[in-house]
Amino acid sequence: MVDAALPQAVCLGESMAVLLPEQPGPLDAVGGFRSAVGGAESNTACVLAGLGVPSAWISRVGADGFGRRLTGELAARGVDVSAVAVDPHRPTGLYVKETGGSAHPHDLGAGRSRLHYYRAGSAASALSPELLADPAAARLIGAARLLHLSGITPALSDSCLALVRALLALPRNGRTVSFDLNWRPALWRDRDPALLRNLLDAADVVLLGADEAEAALGTGDPGELRALLPRPRSLVVKQDAHVATALDRDGTVTVQPALRVEVVEPTGAGDAFAGGYLAGLLHGLDQRGRLRLGHLAAACALTSPGDQGRAPDAASAEALLAATEAQWAAHVVRAPEPAGECV
């Protein structure tokens, strides 16, 4: 029997402290940074929680201020962090964001950004199958309707890869396992990315961008990807941020264009799409509704300066999910007021 008091969704993977520049330009020209937190799986957990799905994040953090900041902020956003372990010997990972838009000769260019990671030897890289023996983590995973993973975790270390394999091999018992490719070429530089195919094919729902699939799997074509990954119940391919295609195992194909968005910052949109799509799945929406909720969550992230956008206004979200194709195509998502909601 599922415990209704426990989270319905569990997201597992590394999150890190983030240093965001106070002004655009290359790192050597930036005078100061402000701290924040970010990470693919925790971003997705926050989106799920914001869309009414009780969610948990499982990982490891260092016994440091960054780790405390991370768990504190996620808890404040409604995410259960009760199974996050604190490592007394390894630090919380860190990444620094660089944004373009200055006149400096080494500038990335207006509207572009780059993330610089400092995560080698981090607390999360010590995740391993031993996690499954931890009572707090086992309780959350056992009760979850959804377990969300990504291709970042198996690239962190051999023990992380072993954990992902163990999680994918667990009896489902009614639980859906989703897997977001989240291709990070720098992490795979000294590892074999060919193993990603088997990991993806062992999941029930796979989410991936056409461009990252081309780099990691050799093709970004939805039909070819479906043939390459025959086992998942649903395969969701995001193409050029303009359209998403869901290909179900029974042959059904659903195509949904994205909303028009006045972009503020592109980072975090993929994680938000995953959270929106998976929230739609858990709320019982049909495939088109799931894709639309994914696009709407991504739009909210795109109109936020950080990794995590505000949740969409409930009434506006309901109206958009029920909109005609013409109404959907005509809608533009703009940056909200400082205290406002994304619509």
Protein backbone atom coordinates (compact mmCIF):
# COMPACT_ATOMS: atom_id res chain seq x y z
CA MET A 1 0.00 0.00 0.00
CA VAL A 2 1.31 3.46 -0.95
CA ASP A 3 1.70 5.89 1.95
CA ALA A 4 -0.26 9.01 0.89
CA ALA A 5 1.84 11.12 3.25
CA LEU A 6 5.05 10.39 1.33
CA PRO A 7 6.13 12.19 -1.88
CA GLN A 8 4.71 10.85 -5.14
CA ALA A 9 7.86 11.71 -7.09
CA VAL A 10 11.51 11.13 -6.19
CA CYS A 11 14.30 12.83 -8.15
CA LEU A 12 17.84 11.56 -7.61
CA GLY A 13 21.10 13.18 -8.63
CA GLU A 14 23.70 15.83 -7.88
CA SER A 15 22.89 19.47 -7.21
CA MET A 16 25.45 22.15 -6.61
CA ALA A 17 26.08 25.59 -5.29
CA VAL A 18 26.04 28.20 -8.05
CA LEU A 19 27.89 31.48 -8.40
CA LEU A 20 26.01 33.88 -10.69
CA PRO A 21 27.82 36.92 -12.09
CA GLU A 22 26.60 40.35 -11.08
CA GLN A 23 27.15 41.60 -14.63
CA PRO A 24 27.80 40.03 -18.05
CA GLY A 25 31.29 39.36 -19.30
CA PRO A 26 34.09 36.78 -19.09
CA LEU A 27 34.95 35.58 -15.60
CA ASP A 28 38.18 37.54 -15.42
CA ALA A 29 36.23 40.77 -15.99
CA VAL A 30 33.39 40.18 -13.54
CA GLY A 31 33.70 42.04 -10.26
CA GLY A 32 31.38 39.95 -8.10
CA PHE A 33 29.04 37.00 -7.89
CA ARG A 34 25.91 36.08 -5.94
CA SER A 35 25.30 32.58 -4.67
CA ALA A 36 22.40 30.31 -5.59
CA VAL A 37 21.76 26.60 -6.03
CA GLY A 38 21.07 24.46 -9.08
CA GLY A 39 21.05 20.97 -10.51
CA ALA A 40 19.03 19.07 -13.08
CA GLU A 41 17.18 16.65 -10.83
CA SER A 42 16.53 19.12 -8.01
CA ASN A 43 15.28 21.67 -10.56
CA THR A 44 12.83 19.06 -11.81
CA ALA A 45 11.76 18.25 -8.24
CA CYS A 46 11.03 21.94 -7.62
CA VAL A 47 8.91 22.17 -10.77
CA LEU A 48 6.97 19.05 -9.79
CA ALA A 49 6.33 20.47 -6.32
CA GLY A 50 5.25 23.79 -7.81
CA LEU A 51 2.76 21.97 -10.02
CA GLY A 52 1.13 20.17 -7.12
CA VAL A 53 3.09 16.91 -7.08
CA PRO A 54 4.62 16.15 -3.62
CA SER A 55 8.27 15.54 -4.45
CA ALA A 56 11.56 14.54 -2.87
CA TRP A 57 15.18 14.94 -3.86
CA ILE A 58 17.77 12.33 -2.88
CA SER A 59 21.50 13.01 -3.04
CA ARG A 60 24.60 13.75 -0.99
CA VAL A 61 25.98 17.16 0.01
CA GLY A 62 29.05 18.26 1.90
CA ALA A 63 29.06 19.27 5.56
CA ASP A 64 29.45 22.87 4.47
CA GLY A 65 27.51 26.07 4.01
CA PHE A 66 26.77 25.31 0.36
CA GLY A 67 25.19 21.99 1.35
CA ARG A 68 23.07 23.65 4.02
CA ARG A 69 22.03 26.34 1.55
CA LEU A 70 21.06 23.71 -1.00
CA THR A 71 18.88 21.61 1.28
CA GLY A 72 17.39 24.71 2.90
CA GLU A 73 16.33 26.28 -0.39
CA LEU A 74 14.86 23.06 -1.75
CA ALA A 75 12.92 22.50 1.47
CA ALA A 76 11.62 26.08 1.22
CA ARG A 77 10.31 25.26 -2.27
CA GLY A 78 8.36 22.32 -0.88
CA VAL A 79 10.79 19.50 -1.76
CA ASP A 80 11.36 16.69 0.76
CA VAL A 81 15.11 16.48 1.54
CA SER A 82 14.86 13.97 4.39
CA ALA A 83 16.97 11.38 2.54
CA VAL A 84 19.83 13.72 1.57
CA ALA A 85 23.04 12.46 3.19
CA VAL A 86 25.68 14.82 4.56
CA ASP A 87 29.23 13.73 3.71
CA PRO A 88 31.80 14.84 6.32
CA HIS A 89 34.77 14.36 3.99
CA ARG A 90 33.71 15.55 0.51
CA PRO A 91 32.47 19.01 -0.50
CA THR A 92 29.27 20.11 -2.15
CA GLY A 93 29.86 20.57 -5.88
CA LEU A 94 30.06 24.05 -7.36
CA TYR A 95 29.52 25.65 -10.73
CA VAL A 96 30.04 29.19 -11.94
CA LYS A 97 27.89 30.79 -14.63
CA GLU A 98 29.39 33.05 -17.28
CA THR A 99 27.04 35.25 -19.31
CA GLY A 100 27.64 37.22 -22.48
CA GLY A 101 26.67 40.77 -23.27
CA SER A 102 29.69 42.93 -22.48
CA ALA A 103 32.15 44.76 -24.71
CA HIS A 104 35.08 42.64 -23.48
CA PRO A 105 36.99 40.92 -26.33
CA HIS A 106 36.53 37.48 -24.72
CA ASP A 107 32.78 37.91 -24.25
CA LEU A 108 30.56 34.96 -25.18
CA GLY A 109 28.11 37.19 -27.04
CA ALA A 110 24.77 38.65 -26.04
CA GLY A 111 22.21 36.06 -24.96
CA ARG A 112 24.78 33.28 -24.53
CA SER A 113 25.94 31.64 -21.33
CA ARG A 114 28.41 28.97 -20.23
CA LEU A 115 28.62 26.90 -17.06
CA HIS A 116 32.00 26.10 -15.48
CA TYR A 117 31.82 23.02 -13.22
CA TYR A 118 33.93 22.23 -10.16
CA ARG A 119 32.48 18.90 -9.09
CA ALA A 120 35.32 16.34 -9.15
CA GLY A 121 35.41 14.49 -5.84
CA SER A 122 32.12 16.00 -4.70
CA ALA A 123 29.89 14.44 -2.08
CA ALA A 124 27.36 13.39 -4.72
CA SER A 125 30.02 11.55 -6.71
CA ALA A 126 30.15 9.07 -3.80
CA LEU A 127 26.54 7.99 -4.37
CA SER A 128 26.44 4.19 -4.70
CA PRO A 129 24.11 1.17 -4.48
CA GLU A 130 24.57 1.36 -0.70
CA LEU A 131 21.91 4.05 -0.88
CA LEU A 132 19.29 1.33 -1.36
CA ALA A 133 20.04 0.06 2.16
CA ASP A 134 19.45 3.49 3.68
CA PRO A 135 16.04 3.38 5.43
CA ALA A 136 15.12 6.98 4.59
CA ALA A 137 15.93 6.64 0.88
CA ALA A 138 14.40 3.16 0.59
CA ARG A 139 11.16 4.39 2.16
CA LEU A 140 10.84 7.28 -0.29
CA ILE A 141 11.72 5.24 -3.37
CA GLY A 142 9.46 2.38 -2.34
CA ALA A 143 6.43 4.65 -1.98
CA ALA A 144 7.01 6.81 -5.07
CA ARG A 145 4.82 6.69 -8.15
CA LEU A 146 7.69 8.21 -10.12
CA LEU A 147 11.48 7.91 -9.89
CA HIS A 148 13.33 10.47 -12.01
CA LEU A 149 16.97 10.01 -13.09
CA SER A 150 19.28 11.64 -15.59
CA GLY A 151 22.34 10.90 -17.67
CA ILE A 152 24.45 13.16 -15.46
CA THR A 153 24.55 10.77 -12.50
CA PRO A 154 26.12 7.72 -14.21
CA ALA A 155 28.90 9.94 -15.55
CA LEU A 156 30.01 11.14 -12.11
CA SER A 157 31.75 7.96 -10.95
CA ASP A 158 31.72 4.17 -11.19
CA SER A 159 29.70 3.96 -7.98
CA CYS A 160 27.13 6.42 -9.37
CA LEU A 161 26.82 4.32 -12.52
CA ALA A 162 26.31 1.21 -10.39
CA LEU A 163 23.56 3.00 -8.43
CA VAL A 164 21.70 4.04 -11.59
CA ARG A 165 21.86 0.48 -12.90
CA ALA A 166 20.56 -0.84 -9.58
CA LEU A 167 17.68 1.63 -9.55
CA LEU A 168 16.67 0.75 -13.10
CA ALA A 169 16.73 -2.95 -12.18
CA LEU A 170 14.42 -2.58 -9.16
CA PRO A 171 10.96 -4.14 -9.46
CA ARG A 172 8.60 -1.38 -10.62
CA ASN A 173 5.64 -2.27 -8.38
CA GLY A 174 3.55 0.28 -10.25
CA ARG A 175 6.29 2.94 -10.22
CA THR A 176 7.29 4.80 -13.39
CA VAL A 177 10.99 5.44 -13.97
CA SER A 178 11.80 8.48 -16.09
CA PHE A 179 15.22 9.28 -17.50
CA ASP A 180 16.33 12.63 -18.93
CA LEU A 181 19.41 12.27 -21.14
CA ASN A 182 20.91 15.58 -19.94
CA TRP A 183 24.04 15.09 -22.06
CA ARG A 184 27.15 16.66 -20.52
CA PRO A 185 30.08 15.90 -22.86
CA ALA A 186 32.70 17.10 -20.38
CA LEU A 187 31.57 14.48 -17.86
CA TRP A 188 31.79 11.70 -20.42
CA ARG A 189 35.26 12.64 -21.72
CA ASP A 190 36.94 9.74 -19.91
CA ARG A 191 33.94 7.41 -19.84
CA ASP A 192 32.11 5.38 -22.49
CA PRO A 193 28.91 7.17 -23.53
CA ALA A 194 27.78 4.05 -25.39
CA LEU A 195 26.40 2.66 -22.12
CA LEU A 196 23.80 5.45 -22.09
CA ARG A 197 21.73 3.61 -24.67
CA ASN A 198 21.13 0.65 -22.34
CA LEU A 199 20.34 2.94 -19.42
CA LEU A 200 17.82 4.93 -21.44
CA ASP A 201 16.24 1.80 -22.86
CA ALA A 202 15.68 0.45 -19.34
CA ALA A 203 13.48 3.40 -18.35
CA ASP A 204 9.72 3.80 -18.85
CA VAL A 205 9.75 7.43 -19.98
CA VAL A 206 12.75 8.97 -21.76
CA LEU A 207 13.21 12.70 -22.36
CA LEU A 208 15.93 14.07 -24.61
CA GLY A 209 16.76 16.94 -26.91
CA ALA A 210 17.35 16.18 -30.57
CA ASP A 211 20.69 17.99 -30.53
CA GLU A 212 22.02 16.19 -27.45
CA ALA A 213 20.72 12.86 -28.77
CA GLU A 214 22.63 13.47 -32.01
CA ALA A 215 25.82 13.97 -29.99
CA ALA A 216 25.33 11.13 -27.52
CA LEU A 217 23.45 8.52 -29.57
CA GLY A 218 24.29 9.35 -33.17
CA THR A 219 20.85 10.59 -34.24
CA GLY A 220 18.36 13.25 -33.29
CA ASP A 221 15.59 11.98 -35.55
CA PRO A 222 12.54 11.00 -33.44
CA GLY A 223 11.73 7.93 -35.52
CA GLU A 224 15.30 6.67 -35.46
CA LEU A 225 15.51 7.27 -31.72
CA ARG A 226 12.33 5.29 -31.19
CA ALA A 227 13.85 2.38 -33.12
CA LEU A 228 17.08 2.72 -31.14
CA LEU A 229 15.17 2.71 -27.82
CA PRO A 230 12.27 0.28 -28.27
CA ARG A 231 11.51 -0.54 -24.62
CA PRO A 232 10.39 2.75 -22.98
CA ARG A 233 6.65 3.32 -22.84
CA SER A 234 7.10 6.89 -24.10
CA LEU A 235 9.94 8.72 -25.78
CA VAL A 236 9.80 12.53 -25.74
CA VAL A 237 12.08 14.37 -28.17
CA LYS A 238 12.50 18.15 -27.91
CA GLN A 239 13.49 19.64 -31.25
CA ASP A 240 15.24 23.05 -31.45
CA ALA A 241 13.17 24.38 -28.50
CA HIS A 242 10.26 24.84 -30.93
CA VAL A 243 8.42 21.54 -30.82
CA ALA A 244 8.25 18.35 -28.77
CA THR A 245 7.32 14.96 -30.15
CA ALA A 246 6.10 12.07 -28.01
CA LEU A 247 6.42 8.61 -29.52
CA ASP A 248 4.61 5.88 -27.61
CA ARG A 249 5.53 2.23 -27.77
CA ASP A 250 2.18 1.44 -29.43
CA GLY A 251 3.10 3.64 -32.40
CA THR A 252 1.14 6.75 -31.42
CA VAL A 253 2.95 9.99 -32.24
CA THR A 254 1.95 13.32 -30.67
CA VAL A 255 3.52 16.59 -31.81
CA GLN A 256 3.14 19.80 -29.81
CA PRO A 257 4.75 23.15 -30.71
CA ALA A 258 6.25 25.21 -27.90
CA LEU A 259 4.84 28.52 -26.67
CA ARG A 260 6.36 31.76 -27.84
CA VAL A 261 8.57 33.15 -25.10
CA GLU A 262 10.42 36.38 -24.40
CA VAL A 263 13.60 34.65 -23.19
CA VAL A 264 15.51 36.07 -20.23
CA GLU A 265 17.88 33.15 -19.52
CA PRO A 266 17.95 29.71 -21.24
CA THR A 267 19.45 27.67 -18.38
CA GLY A 268 17.07 25.27 -16.64
CA ALA A 269 14.42 25.09 -19.37
CA GLY A 270 15.05 21.41 -20.08
CA ASP A 271 14.71 20.46 -16.42
CA ALA A 272 11.53 22.51 -16.19
CA PHE A 273 10.10 20.82 -19.29
CA ALA A 274 10.77 17.45 -17.67
CA GLY A 275 9.04 18.57 -14.47
CA GLY A 276 6.01 19.87 -16.33
CA TYR A 277 5.70 16.80 -18.54
CA LEU A 278 6.04 14.42 -15.59
CA ALA A 279 3.58 16.43 -13.50
CA GLY A 280 1.12 16.06 -16.36
CA LEU A 281 1.72 12.32 -16.39
CA LEU A 282 1.07 12.02 -12.63
CA HIS A 283 -2.00 14.28 -12.89
CA GLY A 284 -3.44 11.93 -15.51
CA LEU A 285 -3.24 14.27 -18.53
CA ASP A 286 -3.18 12.83 -22.03
CA GLN A 287 -0.02 13.01 -24.09
CA ARG A 288 -0.81 16.41 -25.58
CA GLY A 289 -1.59 17.82 -22.14
CA ARG A 290 1.71 16.51 -20.77
CA LEU A 291 3.65 18.11 -23.61
CA ARG A 292 1.82 21.40 -23.15
CA LEU A 293 2.47 21.47 -19.42
CA GLY A 294 6.13 20.71 -20.17
CA HIS A 295 6.31 23.61 -22.61
CA LEU A 296 4.59 25.94 -20.12
CA ALA A 297 6.99 25.01 -17.30
CA ALA A 298 9.94 25.52 -19.67
CA ALA A 299 8.58 28.93 -20.67
CA CYS A 300 8.47 29.94 -17.01
CA ALA A 301 12.12 28.93 -16.61
CA LEU A 302 13.08 30.83 -19.77
CA THR A 303 11.57 34.02 -18.37
CA SER A 304 13.50 33.72 -15.09
CA PRO A 305 17.10 34.96 -14.59
CA GLY A 306 17.99 31.85 -12.52
CA ASP A 307 17.79 28.11 -13.09
CA GLN A 308 14.36 27.82 -11.51
CA GLY A 309 11.38 29.81 -12.74
CA ARG A 310 8.17 30.50 -10.87
CA ALA A 311 5.31 28.04 -11.22
CA PRO A 312 2.66 29.05 -13.77
CA ASP A 313 -0.51 30.68 -12.53
CA ALA A 314 -3.00 27.82 -12.01
CA ALA A 315 -5.91 29.47 -13.83
CA SER A 316 -3.74 30.49 -16.78
CA ALA A 317 -2.20 27.04 -16.98
CA GLU A 318 -5.64 25.42 -17.03
CA ALA A 319 -6.77 27.77 -19.80
CA LEU A 320 -3.68 27.09 -21.90
CA LEU A 321 -4.01 23.33 -21.50
CA ALA A 322 -7.56 23.60 -22.85
CA ALA A 323 -6.71 26.16 -25.58
CA THR A 324 -7.21 25.54 -29.26
CA GLU A 325 -4.11 25.18 -31.40
CA ALA A 326 -4.63 28.75 -32.66
CA GLN A 327 -4.96 30.14 -29.13
CA TRP A 328 -1.88 28.22 -28.02
CA ALA A 329 0.15 29.50 -30.98
CA ALA A 330 -0.91 33.10 -30.32
CA HIS A 331 0.04 33.13 -26.64
CA VAL A 332 3.31 34.79 -25.60
CA VAL A 333 4.93 34.16 -22.20
CA ARG A 334 6.68 37.22 -20.83
CA ALA A 335 8.84 37.79 -17.78
CA PRO A 336 6.62 38.16 -14.70
CA GLU A 337 6.67 41.07 -12.30
CA PRO A 338 9.08 40.55 -9.35
CA ALA A 339 6.29 39.17 -7.13
CA GLY A 340 4.13 37.81 -9.91
CA GLU A 341 3.49 34.38 -11.36
CA CYS A 342 4.48 33.07 -14.75
CA VAL A 343 1.55 33.03 -17.19
